[in-house]
Protein backbone atom coordinates (compact mmCIF):
# COMPACT_ATOMS: atom_id res chain seq x y z
CA UNK A 1 0.00 0.00 0.00
CA UNK A 2 1.33 3.39 -0.95
CA UNK A 3 -0.05 6.76 0.07
CA UNK A 4 -0.19 9.68 -2.35
CA UNK A 5 -0.04 13.39 -1.57
CA UNK A 6 -3.83 13.81 -1.53
CA UNK A 7 -4.17 11.05 1.05
CA UNK A 8 -1.47 12.66 3.21
CA UNK A 9 -3.34 15.97 3.09
CA UNK A 10 -6.61 14.20 3.99
CA UNK A 11 -4.99 12.41 6.95
CA UNK A 12 -3.54 15.72 8.13
CA UNK A 13 -6.96 17.39 7.83
CA UNK A 14 -8.64 14.60 9.77
CA UNK A 15 -5.98 14.87 12.48
CA UNK A 16 -6.31 18.66 12.39
CA UNK A 17 -2.62 19.07 11.67
CA UNK A 18 -1.52 21.88 9.40
CA UNK A 19 0.82 20.52 6.75
CA UNK A 20 2.55 22.86 4.34
CA UNK A 21 2.96 21.83 0.69
CA UNK A 22 6.72 21.36 1.05
CA UNK A 23 6.20 18.94 3.99
CA UNK A 24 3.92 16.54 2.12
CA UNK A 25 6.74 14.64 0.38
CA UNK A 26 8.60 14.01 3.63
CA UNK A 27 5.46 12.85 5.41
CA UNK A 28 4.56 10.66 2.45
CA UNK A 29 7.95 8.94 2.61
CA UNK A 30 7.71 8.45 6.39
CA UNK A 31 4.16 7.08 6.37
CA UNK A 32 4.92 4.79 3.42
CA UNK A 33 7.94 3.50 5.37
CA UNK A 34 5.74 2.80 8.40
CA UNK A 35 3.21 1.00 6.24
CA UNK A 36 6.05 -1.04 4.72
CA UNK A 37 7.06 -2.21 8.20
CA UNK A 38 3.45 -3.14 8.94
CA UNK A 39 3.31 -5.18 5.72
CA UNK A 40 6.47 -7.00 6.83
CA UNK A 41 4.86 -7.78 10.19
CA UNK A 42 1.82 -9.18 8.39
CA UNK A 43 4.11 -11.73 6.71
CA UNK A 44 5.13 -13.27 10.06
CA UNK A 45 3.63 -16.72 10.64
CA UNK A 46 1.66 -16.51 13.90
CA UNK A 47 -0.32 -19.71 13.52
CA UNK A 48 -0.58 -21.53 16.82
CA UNK A 49 0.09 -18.40 18.84
CA UNK A 50 -2.74 -17.30 21.08
CA UNK A 51 -3.62 -13.58 20.84
CA UNK A 52 -2.68 -11.39 23.78
CA UNK A 53 -4.91 -8.42 24.47
CA UNK A 54 -2.98 -7.26 27.50
CA UNK A 55 -0.92 -8.37 30.45
CA UNK A 56 -3.68 -7.94 33.03
CA UNK A 57 -4.45 -11.66 33.15
CA UNK A 58 -0.82 -12.58 33.77
CA UNK A 59 0.43 -13.11 37.32
CA UNK A 60 3.19 -10.81 38.47
CA UNK A 61 6.37 -12.37 39.80
CA UNK A 62 6.25 -12.10 43.57
CA UNK A 63 9.14 -11.90 45.97
CA UNK A 64 9.22 -12.61 49.67
CA UNK A 65 8.06 -9.65 51.73
CA UNK A 66 10.92 -9.37 54.18
CA UNK A 67 11.54 -6.30 56.31
CA UNK A 68 15.19 -5.41 56.67
CA UNK A 69 16.97 -2.45 58.16
CA UNK A 70 19.62 -2.43 55.48
CA UNK A 71 22.21 -3.89 57.82
CA UNK A 72 24.30 -0.74 58.12
CA UNK A 73 22.66 1.80 60.50
CA UNK A 74 25.91 3.71 61.03
CA UNK A 75 26.11 4.58 57.33
CA UNK A 76 22.42 5.48 57.20
CA UNK A 77 22.65 7.77 60.23
CA UNK A 78 26.08 9.24 59.40
CA UNK A 79 24.62 12.61 58.35
CA UNK A 80 21.85 12.75 60.94
CA UNK A 81 21.92 16.00 62.95
CA UNK A 82 20.85 14.10 66.06
CA UNK A 83 20.32 10.43 66.76
CA UNK A 84 19.03 8.25 69.55
CA UNK A 85 20.63 4.84 69.23
CA UNK A 86 19.91 3.58 65.73
CA UNK A 87 17.13 6.11 65.09
CA UNK A 88 16.85 9.70 63.89
CA UNK A 89 16.08 12.09 66.74
CA UNK A 90 13.76 14.97 65.85
CA UNK A 91 12.54 17.87 67.93
CA UNK A 92 9.13 17.55 69.54
CA UNK A 93 6.53 19.34 67.42
CA UNK A 94 3.27 18.79 69.32
CA UNK A 95 2.99 19.75 72.98
PDB file of N, CA and C in Angstrom:
ATOM      1  N   UNK A   1       0.849  -1.182   0.000  1.00  0.00           N
ATOM      2  CA  UNK A   1       0.000   0.000   0.000  1.00  0.00           C
ATOM      3  C   UNK A   1       0.888   1.236   0.000  1.00  0.00           C
ATOM      4  N   UNK A   2       0.568   2.169  -0.841  1.00  0.00           N
ATOM      5  CA  UNK A   2       1.335   3.393  -0.952  1.00  0.00           C
ATOM      6  C   UNK A   2       0.385   4.586  -0.883  1.00  0.00           C
ATOM      7  N   UNK A   3       0.781   5.567  -0.096  1.00  0.00           N
ATOM      8  CA  UNK A   3      -0.046   6.763   0.068  1.00  0.00           C
ATOM      9  C   UNK A   3       0.421   7.850  -0.889  1.00  0.00           C
ATOM     10  N   UNK A   4      -0.540   8.561  -1.469  1.00  0.00           N
ATOM     11  CA  UNK A   4      -0.190   9.680  -2.346  1.00  0.00           C
ATOM     12  C   UNK A   4      -0.345  10.991  -1.570  1.00  0.00           C
ATOM     13  N   UNK A   5       0.007  12.084  -2.220  1.00  0.00           N
ATOM     14  CA  UNK A   5      -0.041  13.393  -1.573  1.00  0.00           C
ATOM     15  C   UNK A   5      -1.430  13.791  -1.116  1.00  0.00           C
ATOM     16  N   UNK A   6      -2.455  13.461  -1.904  1.00  0.00           N
ATOM     17  CA  UNK A   6      -3.829  13.807  -1.533  1.00  0.00           C
ATOM     18  C   UNK A   6      -4.243  13.069  -0.262  1.00  0.00           C
ATOM     19  N   UNK A   7      -3.833  11.810  -0.146  1.00  0.00           N
ATOM     20  CA  UNK A   7      -4.170  11.045   1.052  1.00  0.00           C
ATOM     21  C   UNK A   7      -3.456  11.612   2.274  1.00  0.00           C
ATOM     22  N   UNK A   8      -2.224  12.046   2.109  1.00  0.00           N
ATOM     23  CA  UNK A   8      -1.473  12.659   3.208  1.00  0.00           C
ATOM     24  C   UNK A   8      -2.182  13.927   3.674  1.00  0.00           C
ATOM     25  N   UNK A   9      -2.624  14.737   2.730  1.00  0.00           N
ATOM     26  CA  UNK A   9      -3.336  15.971   3.089  1.00  0.00           C
ATOM     27  C   UNK A   9      -4.646  15.644   3.811  1.00  0.00           C
ATOM     28  N   UNK A  10      -5.346  14.599   3.352  1.00  0.00           N
ATOM     29  CA  UNK A  10      -6.613  14.202   3.992  1.00  0.00           C
ATOM     30  C   UNK A  10      -6.368  13.708   5.417  1.00  0.00           C
ATOM     31  N   UNK A  11      -5.329  12.896   5.606  1.00  0.00           N
ATOM     32  CA  UNK A  11      -4.989  12.410   6.948  1.00  0.00           C
ATOM     33  C   UNK A  11      -4.664  13.591   7.857  1.00  0.00           C
ATOM     34  N   UNK A  12      -3.900  14.542   7.337  1.00  0.00           N
ATOM     35  CA  UNK A  12      -3.544  15.723   8.131  1.00  0.00           C
ATOM     36  C   UNK A  12      -4.787  16.527   8.488  1.00  0.00           C
ATOM     37  N   UNK A  13      -5.720  16.651   7.562  1.00  0.00           N
ATOM     38  CA  UNK A  13      -6.955  17.393   7.833  1.00  0.00           C
ATOM     39  C   UNK A  13      -7.792  16.674   8.881  1.00  0.00           C
ATOM     40  N   UNK A  14      -7.879  15.358   8.783  1.00  0.00           N
ATOM     41  CA  UNK A  14      -8.644  14.600   9.772  1.00  0.00           C
ATOM     42  C   UNK A  14      -8.012  14.691  11.158  1.00  0.00           C
ATOM     43  N   UNK A  15      -6.694  14.749  11.204  1.00  0.00           N
ATOM     44  CA  UNK A  15      -5.983  14.866  12.480  1.00  0.00           C
ATOM     45  C   UNK A  15      -5.875  16.317  12.925  1.00  0.00           C
ATOM     46  N   UNK A  16      -6.379  17.230  12.107  1.00  0.00           N
ATOM     47  CA  UNK A  16      -6.315  18.664  12.387  1.00  0.00           C
ATOM     48  C   UNK A  16      -4.874  19.136  12.594  1.00  0.00           C
ATOM     49  N   UNK A  17      -4.026  18.674  11.678  1.00  0.00           N
ATOM     50  CA  UNK A  17      -2.623  19.069  11.668  1.00  0.00           C
ATOM     51  C   UNK A  17      -2.375  19.876  10.405  1.00  0.00           C
ATOM     52  N   UNK A  18      -1.818  21.060  10.572  1.00  0.00           N
ATOM     53  CA  UNK A  18      -1.518  21.881   9.404  1.00  0.00           C
ATOM     54  C   UNK A  18      -0.232  21.371   8.764  1.00  0.00           C
ATOM     55  N   UNK A  19      -0.321  21.031   7.495  1.00  0.00           N
ATOM     56  CA  UNK A  19       0.823  20.522   6.750  1.00  0.00           C
ATOM     57  C   UNK A  19       1.024  21.434   5.555  1.00  0.00           C
ATOM     58  N   UNK A  20       2.210  22.001   5.468  1.00  0.00           N
ATOM     59  CA  UNK A  20       2.553  22.863   4.338  1.00  0.00           C
ATOM     60  C   UNK A  20       2.841  21.990   3.120  1.00  0.00           C
ATOM     61  N   UNK A  21       2.761  22.578   1.932  1.00  0.00           N
ATOM     62  CA  UNK A  21       2.962  21.825   0.692  1.00  0.00           C
ATOM     63  C   UNK A  21       4.353  21.200   0.612  1.00  0.00           C
ATOM     64  N   UNK A  22       5.362  21.896   1.131  1.00  0.00           N
ATOM     65  CA  UNK A  22       6.719  21.359   1.048  1.00  0.00           C
ATOM     66  C   UNK A  22       6.955  20.221   2.052  1.00  0.00           C
ATOM     67  N   UNK A  23       6.050  20.013   3.007  1.00  0.00           N
ATOM     68  CA  UNK A  23       6.199  18.944   3.989  1.00  0.00           C
ATOM     69  C   UNK A  23       5.535  17.637   3.545  1.00  0.00           C
ATOM     70  N   UNK A  24       4.699  17.711   2.528  1.00  0.00           N
ATOM     71  CA  UNK A  24       3.918  16.537   2.118  1.00  0.00           C
ATOM     72  C   UNK A  24       4.821  15.402   1.655  1.00  0.00           C
ATOM     73  N   UNK A  25       5.860  15.698   0.887  1.00  0.00           N
ATOM     74  CA  UNK A  25       6.738  14.644   0.376  1.00  0.00           C
ATOM     75  C   UNK A  25       7.441  13.905   1.509  1.00  0.00           C
ATOM     76  N   UNK A  26       7.922  14.646   2.492  1.00  0.00           N
ATOM     77  CA  UNK A  26       8.597  14.011   3.627  1.00  0.00           C
ATOM     78  C   UNK A  26       7.652  13.129   4.434  1.00  0.00           C
ATOM     79  N   UNK A  27       6.447  13.643   4.687  1.00  0.00           N
ATOM     80  CA  UNK A  27       5.464  12.849   5.414  1.00  0.00           C
ATOM     81  C   UNK A  27       5.043  11.619   4.615  1.00  0.00           C
ATOM     82  N   UNK A  28       4.936  11.783   3.310  1.00  0.00           N
ATOM     83  CA  UNK A  28       4.556  10.664   2.451  1.00  0.00           C
ATOM     84  C   UNK A  28       5.611   9.558   2.548  1.00  0.00           C
ATOM     85  N   UNK A  29       6.872   9.931   2.517  1.00  0.00           N
ATOM     86  CA  UNK A  29       7.946   8.935   2.613  1.00  0.00           C
ATOM     87  C   UNK A  29       7.926   8.246   3.980  1.00  0.00           C
ATOM     88  N   UNK A  30       7.728   9.033   5.048  1.00  0.00           N
ATOM     89  CA  UNK A  30       7.710   8.453   6.391  1.00  0.00           C
ATOM     90  C   UNK A  30       6.535   7.501   6.582  1.00  0.00           C
ATOM     91  N   UNK A  31       5.338   7.928   6.196  1.00  0.00           N
ATOM     92  CA  UNK A  31       4.165   7.079   6.368  1.00  0.00           C
ATOM     93  C   UNK A  31       4.239   5.831   5.481  1.00  0.00           C
ATOM     94  N   UNK A  32       4.748   5.962   4.267  1.00  0.00           N
ATOM     95  CA  UNK A  32       4.921   4.785   3.421  1.00  0.00           C
ATOM     96  C   UNK A  32       5.938   3.822   4.026  1.00  0.00           C
ATOM     97  N   UNK A  33       6.972   4.353   4.670  1.00  0.00           N
ATOM     98  CA  UNK A  33       7.940   3.497   5.371  1.00  0.00           C
ATOM     99  C   UNK A  33       7.295   2.746   6.520  1.00  0.00           C
ATOM    100  N   UNK A  34       6.453   3.446   7.281  1.00  0.00           N
ATOM    101  CA  UNK A  34       5.745   2.805   8.396  1.00  0.00           C
ATOM    102  C   UNK A  34       4.821   1.710   7.875  1.00  0.00           C
ATOM    103  N   UNK A  35       4.101   2.005   6.817  1.00  0.00           N
ATOM    104  CA  UNK A  35       3.207   0.999   6.238  1.00  0.00           C
ATOM    105  C   UNK A  35       3.993  -0.188   5.683  1.00  0.00           C
ATOM    106  N   UNK A  36       5.187   0.049   5.184  1.00  0.00           N
ATOM    107  CA  UNK A  36       6.048  -1.041   4.721  1.00  0.00           C
ATOM    108  C   UNK A  36       6.428  -1.976   5.863  1.00  0.00           C
ATOM    109  N   UNK A  37       6.746  -1.396   7.028  1.00  0.00           N
ATOM    110  CA  UNK A  37       7.064  -2.213   8.200  1.00  0.00           C
ATOM    111  C   UNK A  37       5.841  -3.024   8.630  1.00  0.00           C
ATOM    112  N   UNK A  38       4.674  -2.426   8.569  1.00  0.00           N
ATOM    113  CA  UNK A  38       3.448  -3.145   8.937  1.00  0.00           C
ATOM    114  C   UNK A  38       3.209  -4.303   7.987  1.00  0.00           C
ATOM    115  N   UNK A  39       3.459  -4.090   6.691  1.00  0.00           N
ATOM    116  CA  UNK A  39       3.315  -5.175   5.722  1.00  0.00           C
ATOM    117  C   UNK A  39       4.293  -6.308   6.020  1.00  0.00           C
ATOM    118  N   UNK A  40       5.502  -5.971   6.465  1.00  0.00           N
ATOM    119  CA  UNK A  40       6.468  -7.004   6.832  1.00  0.00           C
ATOM    120  C   UNK A  40       5.980  -7.779   8.050  1.00  0.00           C
ATOM    121  N   UNK A  41       5.389  -7.099   9.022  1.00  0.00           N
ATOM    122  CA  UNK A  41       4.859  -7.785  10.191  1.00  0.00           C
ATOM    123  C   UNK A  41       3.714  -8.710   9.828  1.00  0.00           C
ATOM    124  N   UNK A  42       2.918  -8.336   8.823  1.00  0.00           N
ATOM    125  CA  UNK A  42       1.817  -9.183   8.391  1.00  0.00           C
ATOM    126  C   UNK A  42       2.305 -10.480   7.754  1.00  0.00           C
ATOM    127  N   UNK A  43       3.558 -10.534   7.316  1.00  0.00           N
ATOM    128  CA  UNK A  43       4.110 -11.732   6.706  1.00  0.00           C
ATOM    129  C   UNK A  43       4.571 -12.761   7.741  1.00  0.00           C
ATOM    130  N   UNK A  44       4.653 -12.369   9.007  1.00  0.00           N
ATOM    131  CA  UNK A  44       5.127 -13.274  10.056  1.00  0.00           C
ATOM    132  C   UNK A  44       4.081 -14.355  10.303  1.00  0.00           C
ATOM    133  N   UNK A  45       4.531 -15.604  10.388  1.00  0.00           N
ATOM    134  CA  UNK A  45       3.629 -16.722  10.643  1.00  0.00           C
ATOM    135  C   UNK A  45       3.319 -16.776  12.141  1.00  0.00           C
ATOM    136  N   UNK A  46       2.081 -16.504  12.497  1.00  0.00           N
ATOM    137  CA  UNK A  46       1.663 -16.512  13.898  1.00  0.00           C
ATOM    138  C   UNK A  46       0.651 -17.622  14.168  1.00  0.00           C
ATOM    139  N   UNK A  47       0.618 -18.616  13.297  1.00  0.00           N
ATOM    140  CA  UNK A  47      -0.317 -19.711  13.518  1.00  0.00           C
ATOM    141  C   UNK A  47       0.111 -20.478  14.767  1.00  0.00           C
ATOM    142  N   UNK A  48      -0.854 -20.811  15.584  1.00  0.00           N
ATOM    143  CA  UNK A  48      -0.583 -21.531  16.825  1.00  0.00           C
ATOM    144  C   UNK A  48      -0.224 -20.633  17.988  1.00  0.00           C
ATOM    145  N   UNK A  49      -0.211 -19.342  17.769  1.00  0.00           N
ATOM    146  CA  UNK A  49       0.089 -18.403  18.845  1.00  0.00           C
ATOM    147  C   UNK A  49      -1.210 -17.747  19.282  1.00  0.00           C
ATOM    148  N   UNK A  50      -1.500 -17.855  20.568  1.00  0.00           N
ATOM    149  CA  UNK A  50      -2.740 -17.302  21.078  1.00  0.00           C
ATOM    150  C   UNK A  50      -2.633 -15.784  21.175  1.00  0.00           C
ATOM    151  N   UNK A  51      -3.667 -15.046  20.765  1.00  0.00           N
ATOM    152  CA  UNK A  51      -3.617 -13.583  20.841  1.00  0.00           C
ATOM    153  C   UNK A  51      -3.518 -13.097  22.284  1.00  0.00           C
ATOM    154  N   UNK A  52      -2.851 -11.988  22.466  1.00  0.00           N
ATOM    155  CA  UNK A  52      -2.684 -11.387  23.779  1.00  0.00           C
ATOM    156  C   UNK A  52      -3.236  -9.975  23.728  1.00  0.00           C
ATOM    157  N   UNK A  53      -4.294  -9.737  24.474  1.00  0.00           N
ATOM    158  CA  UNK A  53      -4.914  -8.419  24.469  1.00  0.00           C
ATOM    159  C   UNK A  53      -4.277  -7.500  25.500  1.00  0.00           C
ATOM    160  N   UNK A  54      -3.615  -8.059  26.469  1.00  0.00           N
ATOM    161  CA  UNK A  54      -2.983  -7.261  27.502  1.00  0.00           C
ATOM    162  C   UNK A  54      -2.327  -8.168  28.521  1.00  0.00           C
ATOM    163  N   UNK A  55      -1.633  -7.579  29.453  1.00  0.00           N
ATOM    164  CA  UNK A  55      -0.918  -8.369  30.452  1.00  0.00           C
ATOM    165  C   UNK A  55      -1.686  -8.452  31.758  1.00  0.00           C
ATOM    166  N   UNK A  56      -2.933  -7.986  31.771  1.00  0.00           N
ATOM    167  CA  UNK A  56      -3.677  -7.941  33.029  1.00  0.00           C
ATOM    168  C   UNK A  56      -4.022  -9.325  33.564  1.00  0.00           C
ATOM    169  N   UNK A  57      -4.115 -10.316  32.695  1.00  0.00           N
ATOM    170  CA  UNK A  57      -4.446 -11.659  33.153  1.00  0.00           C
ATOM    171  C   UNK A  57      -3.211 -12.455  33.579  1.00  0.00           C
ATOM    172  N   UNK A  58      -2.047 -11.885  33.404  1.00  0.00           N
ATOM    173  CA  UNK A  58      -0.818 -12.581  33.771  1.00  0.00           C
ATOM    174  C   UNK A  58      -0.478 -12.295  35.227  1.00  0.00           C
ATOM    175  N   UNK A  59       0.042 -13.285  35.920  1.00  0.00           N
ATOM    176  CA  UNK A  59       0.428 -13.112  37.316  1.00  0.00           C
ATOM    177  C   UNK A  59       1.795 -12.447  37.385  1.00  0.00           C
ATOM    178  N   UNK A  60       1.920 -11.496  38.281  1.00  0.00           N
ATOM    179  CA  UNK A  60       3.195 -10.814  38.468  1.00  0.00           C
ATOM    180  C   UNK A  60       4.115 -11.699  39.307  1.00  0.00           C
ATOM    181  N   UNK A  61       5.398 -11.617  39.012  1.00  0.00           N
ATOM    182  CA  UNK A  61       6.367 -12.371  39.796  1.00  0.00           C
ATOM    183  C   UNK A  61       6.445 -11.753  41.186  1.00  0.00           C
ATOM    184  N   UNK A  62       6.257 -12.595  42.193  1.00  0.00           N
ATOM    185  CA  UNK A  62       6.247 -12.104  43.566  1.00  0.00           C
ATOM    186  C   UNK A  62       7.564 -12.462  44.254  1.00  0.00           C
ATOM    187  N   UNK A  63       7.968 -11.617  45.159  1.00  0.00           N
ATOM    188  CA  UNK A  63       9.143 -11.900  45.972  1.00  0.00           C
ATOM    189  C   UNK A  63       8.710 -11.977  47.420  1.00  0.00           C
ATOM    190  N   UNK A  64       9.541 -12.537  48.255  1.00  0.00           N
ATOM    191  CA  UNK A  64       9.223 -12.608  49.669  1.00  0.00           C
ATOM    192  C   UNK A  64       9.204 -11.216  50.266  1.00  0.00           C
ATOM    193  N   UNK A  65       8.195 -10.940  51.079  1.00  0.00           N
ATOM    194  CA  UNK A  65       8.061  -9.645  51.728  1.00  0.00           C
ATOM    195  C   UNK A  65       8.804  -9.699  53.047  1.00  0.00           C
ATOM    196  N   UNK A  66      10.056  -9.291  53.015  1.00  0.00           N
ATOM    197  CA  UNK A  66      10.919  -9.366  54.185  1.00  0.00           C
ATOM    198  C   UNK A  66      11.341  -7.955  54.557  1.00  0.00           C
ATOM    199  N   UNK A  67      11.145  -7.615  55.811  1.00  0.00           N
ATOM    200  CA  UNK A  67      11.545  -6.304  56.306  1.00  0.00           C
ATOM    201  C   UNK A  67      12.987  -6.378  56.763  1.00  0.00           C
ATOM    202  N   UNK A  68      13.795  -5.480  56.255  1.00  0.00           N
ATOM    203  CA  UNK A  68      15.193  -5.413  56.670  1.00  0.00           C
ATOM    204  C   UNK A  68      15.523  -3.968  57.018  1.00  0.00           C
ATOM    205  N   UNK A  69      16.540  -3.802  57.800  1.00  0.00           N
ATOM    206  CA  UNK A  69      16.966  -2.446  58.159  1.00  0.00           C
ATOM    207  C   UNK A  69      18.122  -1.989  57.296  1.00  0.00           C
ATOM    208  N   UNK A  70      18.512  -2.775  56.352  1.00  0.00           N
ATOM    209  CA  UNK A  70      19.621  -2.426  55.482  1.00  0.00           C
ATOM    210  C   UNK A  70      20.921  -2.999  55.974  1.00  0.00           C
ATOM    211  N   UNK A  71      21.012  -3.255  57.278  1.00  0.00           N
ATOM    212  CA  UNK A  71      22.206  -3.891  57.821  1.00  0.00           C
ATOM    213  C   UNK A  71      23.364  -2.948  58.086  1.00  0.00           C
ATOM    214  N   UNK A  72      23.208  -1.665  57.883  1.00  0.00           N
ATOM    215  CA  UNK A  72      24.300  -0.735  58.122  1.00  0.00           C
ATOM    216  C   UNK A  72      23.749   0.586  58.679  1.00  0.00           C
ATOM    217  N   UNK A  73      23.255   0.578  59.924  1.00  0.00           N
ATOM    218  CA  UNK A  73      22.665   1.796  60.504  1.00  0.00           C
ATOM    219  C   UNK A  73      23.663   2.935  60.663  1.00  0.00           C
ATOM    220  N   UNK A  74      24.933   2.630  60.876  1.00  0.00           N
ATOM    221  CA  UNK A  74      25.907   3.712  61.032  1.00  0.00           C
ATOM    222  C   UNK A  74      26.065   4.525  59.751  1.00  0.00           C
ATOM    223  N   UNK A  75      26.035   3.861  58.598  1.00  0.00           N
ATOM    224  CA  UNK A  75      26.109   4.580  57.327  1.00  0.00           C
ATOM    225  C   UNK A  75      24.839   5.389  57.084  1.00  0.00           C
ATOM    226  N   UNK A  76      23.685   4.798  57.428  1.00  0.00           N
ATOM    227  CA  UNK A  76      22.416   5.479  57.205  1.00  0.00           C
ATOM    228  C   UNK A  76      22.321   6.733  58.070  1.00  0.00           C
ATOM    229  N   UNK A  77      22.779   6.640  59.294  1.00  0.00           N
ATOM    230  CA  UNK A  77      22.654   7.767  60.228  1.00  0.00           C
ATOM    231  C   UNK A  77      23.899   8.649  60.277  1.00  0.00           C
ATOM    232  N   UNK A  78      24.822   8.476  59.367  1.00  0.00           N
ATOM    233  CA  UNK A  78      26.079   9.237  59.396  1.00  0.00           C
ATOM    234  C   UNK A  78      25.842  10.734  59.296  1.00  0.00           C
ATOM    235  N   UNK A  79      24.873  11.182  58.522  1.00  0.00           N
ATOM    236  CA  UNK A  79      24.624  12.614  58.347  1.00  0.00           C
ATOM    237  C   UNK A  79      23.472  13.127  59.197  1.00  0.00           C
ATOM    238  N   UNK A  80      22.981  12.318  60.105  1.00  0.00           N
ATOM    239  CA  UNK A  80      21.855  12.749  60.940  1.00  0.00           C
ATOM    240  C   UNK A  80      22.309  13.852  61.888  1.00  0.00           C
ATOM    241  N   UNK A  81      21.531  14.936  62.029  1.00  0.00           N
ATOM    242  CA  UNK A  81      21.918  15.999  62.950  1.00  0.00           C
ATOM    243  C   UNK A  81      21.867  15.540  64.408  1.00  0.00           C
ATOM    244  N   UNK A  82      20.967  14.629  64.706  1.00  0.00           N
ATOM    245  CA  UNK A  82      20.852  14.098  66.063  1.00  0.00           C
ATOM    246  C   UNK A  82      20.306  12.683  65.963  1.00  0.00           C
ATOM    247  N   UNK A  83      20.793  11.795  66.795  1.00  0.00           N
ATOM    248  CA  UNK A  83      20.318  10.426  66.761  1.00  0.00           C
ATOM    249  C   UNK A  83      20.155   9.884  68.166  1.00  0.00           C
ATOM    250  N   UNK A  84      19.254   8.932  68.280  1.00  0.00           N
ATOM    251  CA  UNK A  84      19.027   8.254  69.548  1.00  0.00           C
ATOM    252  C   UNK A  84      19.186   6.764  69.272  1.00  0.00           C
ATOM    253  N   UNK A  85      20.348   6.235  69.549  1.00  0.00           N
ATOM    254  CA  UNK A  85      20.632   4.841  69.229  1.00  0.00           C
ATOM    255  C   UNK A  85      20.733   4.678  67.728  1.00  0.00           C
ATOM    256  N   UNK A  86      19.919   3.790  67.177  1.00  0.00           N
ATOM    257  CA  UNK A  86      19.912   3.578  65.727  1.00  0.00           C
ATOM    258  C   UNK A  86      18.736   4.271  65.056  1.00  0.00           C
ATOM    259  N   UNK A  87      18.286   5.384  65.618  1.00  0.00           N
ATOM    260  CA  UNK A  87      17.133   6.110  65.088  1.00  0.00           C
ATOM    261  C   UNK A  87      17.470   7.584  64.940  1.00  0.00           C
ATOM    262  N   UNK A  88      16.750   8.262  64.004  1.00  0.00           N
ATOM    263  CA  UNK A  88      16.848   9.704  63.895  1.00  0.00           C
ATOM    264  C   UNK A  88      16.141  10.326  65.092  1.00  0.00           C
ATOM    265  N   UNK A  89      16.725  11.348  65.664  1.00  0.00           N
ATOM    266  CA  UNK A  89      16.076  12.090  66.736  1.00  0.00           C
ATOM    267  C   UNK A  89      15.607  13.411  66.162  1.00  0.00           C
ATOM    268  N   UNK A  90      14.333  13.726  66.371  1.00  0.00           N
ATOM    269  CA  UNK A  90      13.757  14.966  65.852  1.00  0.00           C
ATOM    270  C   UNK A  90      13.176  15.746  66.999  1.00  0.00           C
ATOM    271  N   UNK A  91      13.110  17.073  66.848  1.00  0.00           N
ATOM    272  CA  UNK A  91      12.536  17.871  67.932  1.00  0.00           C
ATOM    273  C   UNK A  91      11.036  17.607  68.067  1.00  0.00           C
ATOM    274  N   UNK A  92      10.547  17.738  69.273  1.00  0.00           N
ATOM    275  CA  UNK A  92       9.131  17.554  69.544  1.00  0.00           C
ATOM    276  C   UNK A  92       8.340  18.686  68.884  1.00  0.00           C
ATOM    277  N   UNK A  93       7.294  18.343  68.158  1.00  0.00           N
ATOM    278  CA  UNK A  93       6.528  19.339  67.422  1.00  0.00           C
ATOM    279  C   UNK A  93       5.217  19.626  68.125  1.00  0.00           C
ATOM    280  N   UNK A  94       4.577  18.625  68.665  1.00  0.00           N
ATOM    281  CA  UNK A  94       3.272  18.787  69.320  1.00  0.00           C
ATOM    282  C   UNK A  94       3.474  18.751  70.822  1.00  0.00           C
ATOM    283  N   UNK A  95       2.891  19.700  71.511  1.00  0.00           N
ATOM    284  CA  UNK A  95       2.991  19.754  72.983  1.00  0.00           C
ATOM    285  C   UNK A  95       1.950  18.895  73.610  1.00  0.00           C
TER     286      UNK A  95
END
